[in-house]
């Protein structure tokens, strides 16, 4: 007996050729989150690129110590951003932010809204 899949596999191409590459956007977003978490960038700068629930996560996320950077040290850097299509208009990405003796995992979902990527879910480890 042959079975048929209950859901179609996601399409691995951009819905609109004008939509930015999700891998490049996810990498840039991961850098911005790292800068926000360490106080190198105010959370409000990302407001137009994230959904309201993600905006709340970035605003309330406590950073050990102070919110402001105490040195001019570089913020943590994303290491190998992984991107996986999960729907025709959505991808999920994850990476590890490597800093001076620290490592933090982040995972996020991006969806196409009004022709550009918007982060609709964010988890910080």
Protein backbone atom coordinates (compact mmCIF):
# COMPACT_ATOMS: atom_id res chain seq x y z
CA UNK A 1 0.00 0.00 0.00
CA UNK A 2 1.37 3.35 -0.99
CA UNK A 3 1.02 6.35 1.33
CA UNK A 4 0.95 9.98 0.32
CA UNK A 5 2.51 12.76 2.37
CA UNK A 6 0.06 14.88 4.34
CA UNK A 7 1.93 18.12 3.67
CA UNK A 8 3.85 19.33 0.68
CA UNK A 9 7.58 19.92 1.11
CA UNK A 10 8.60 23.58 1.40
CA UNK A 11 9.69 25.37 -1.73
CA UNK A 12 13.41 26.20 -1.61
CA UNK A 13 13.35 29.36 -3.64
CA UNK A 14 12.42 32.93 -2.95
CA UNK A 15 8.72 33.69 -3.49
CA UNK A 16 9.65 36.94 -5.22
CA UNK A 17 13.01 37.53 -6.94
CA UNK A 18 13.19 40.96 -5.27
CA UNK A 19 13.14 39.40 -1.78
CA UNK A 20 16.58 39.48 -0.14
CA UNK A 21 18.52 36.24 0.29
CA UNK A 22 17.45 34.70 3.62
CA UNK A 23 20.95 33.49 4.53
CA UNK A 24 22.48 36.96 4.17
CA UNK A 25 19.58 38.55 6.04
CA UNK A 26 19.77 35.97 8.86
CA UNK A 27 23.49 36.59 9.27
CA UNK A 28 23.02 40.37 9.43
CA UNK A 29 20.16 39.93 11.90
CA UNK A 30 22.27 37.64 14.12
CA UNK A 31 25.00 40.33 14.26
CA UNK A 32 22.38 42.94 15.21
CA UNK A 33 20.96 40.72 17.97
CA UNK A 34 24.46 40.16 19.36
CA UNK A 35 25.07 43.91 19.43
CA UNK A 36 21.69 44.51 21.08
CA UNK A 37 22.26 41.89 23.77
CA UNK A 38 25.61 43.42 24.74
CA UNK A 39 24.38 47.01 24.69
CA UNK A 40 26.33 48.05 21.58
CA UNK A 41 23.02 48.78 19.82
CA UNK A 42 19.71 49.95 21.33
CA UNK A 43 16.84 47.46 20.88
CA UNK A 44 14.68 50.10 19.19
CA UNK A 45 16.95 50.07 16.14
CA UNK A 46 15.57 46.65 15.21
CA UNK A 47 11.93 47.67 15.66
CA UNK A 48 11.12 47.79 11.94
CA UNK A 49 12.68 44.36 11.33
CA UNK A 50 10.90 42.39 14.06
CA UNK A 51 7.33 41.60 15.09
CA UNK A 52 5.94 43.10 18.33
CA UNK A 53 6.52 39.90 20.38
CA UNK A 54 10.18 39.81 19.31
CA UNK A 55 10.53 43.51 20.12
CA UNK A 56 9.38 42.72 23.68
CA UNK A 57 11.94 39.89 23.97
CA UNK A 58 14.74 42.25 22.96
CA UNK A 59 13.61 45.00 25.34
CA UNK A 60 13.16 42.83 28.40
CA UNK A 61 16.10 40.46 27.88
CA UNK A 62 18.39 41.04 30.86
CA UNK A 63 22.07 41.16 30.09
CA UNK A 64 24.42 40.00 32.83
CA UNK A 65 25.96 43.09 34.35
CA UNK A 66 25.12 46.35 32.65
CA UNK A 67 23.15 47.11 29.52
CA UNK A 68 25.88 49.43 28.29
CA UNK A 69 29.16 48.06 27.03
CA UNK A 70 31.87 48.77 29.57
CA UNK A 71 34.70 48.45 27.05
CA UNK A 72 35.18 48.89 23.37
CA UNK A 73 35.46 45.13 22.98
CA UNK A 74 33.79 43.57 19.99
CA UNK A 75 30.33 42.13 20.56
CA UNK A 76 29.93 38.36 20.13
CA UNK A 77 30.07 37.15 16.55
CA UNK A 78 27.66 34.65 14.95
CA UNK A 79 29.31 31.36 14.10
CA UNK A 80 27.89 29.47 11.09
CA UNK A 81 24.34 30.71 10.69
CA UNK A 82 22.14 27.78 9.69
CA UNK A 83 19.00 28.54 7.65
CA UNK A 84 16.21 26.05 6.89
CA UNK A 85 13.12 26.68 4.78
CA UNK A 86 10.01 25.68 6.76
CA UNK A 87 7.33 27.13 4.49
CA UNK A 88 7.04 28.88 1.16
CA UNK A 89 7.51 32.27 2.83
CA UNK A 90 9.36 31.36 6.05
CA UNK A 91 12.74 30.13 7.22
CA UNK A 92 14.14 29.27 10.62
CA UNK A 93 17.72 30.09 11.51
CA UNK A 94 20.06 29.39 14.37
CA UNK A 95 23.60 30.21 15.38
CA UNK A 96 25.92 30.44 18.33
CA UNK A 97 27.17 33.88 19.31
CA UNK A 98 30.81 33.53 20.29
CA UNK A 99 32.32 36.27 22.43
CA UNK A 100 35.23 36.72 24.78
CA UNK A 101 34.97 33.45 26.65
CA UNK A 102 31.18 33.25 26.17
CA UNK A 103 28.81 31.39 23.89
CA UNK A 104 25.05 31.96 23.53
CA UNK A 105 22.69 30.18 21.21
CA UNK A 106 19.96 32.04 19.35
CA UNK A 107 17.22 30.69 17.12
CA UNK A 108 14.73 32.72 15.13
CA UNK A 109 12.02 32.49 12.49
CA UNK A 110 11.85 34.90 9.59
CA UNK A 111 8.82 35.42 7.38
CA UNK A 112 8.35 37.51 4.31
CA UNK A 113 6.14 40.49 5.06
CA UNK A 114 5.64 43.27 2.55
CA UNK A 115 8.48 41.98 0.39
CA UNK A 116 11.14 41.79 3.10
CA UNK A 117 12.21 39.47 5.89
CA UNK A 118 10.78 40.09 9.34
CA UNK A 119 11.78 38.18 12.47
CA UNK A 120 8.59 36.75 13.97
CA UNK A 121 10.05 34.55 16.72
CA UNK A 122 13.29 34.71 18.70
CA UNK A 123 14.74 32.47 21.38
CA UNK A 124 17.94 33.31 23.22
CA UNK A 125 19.84 30.66 25.16
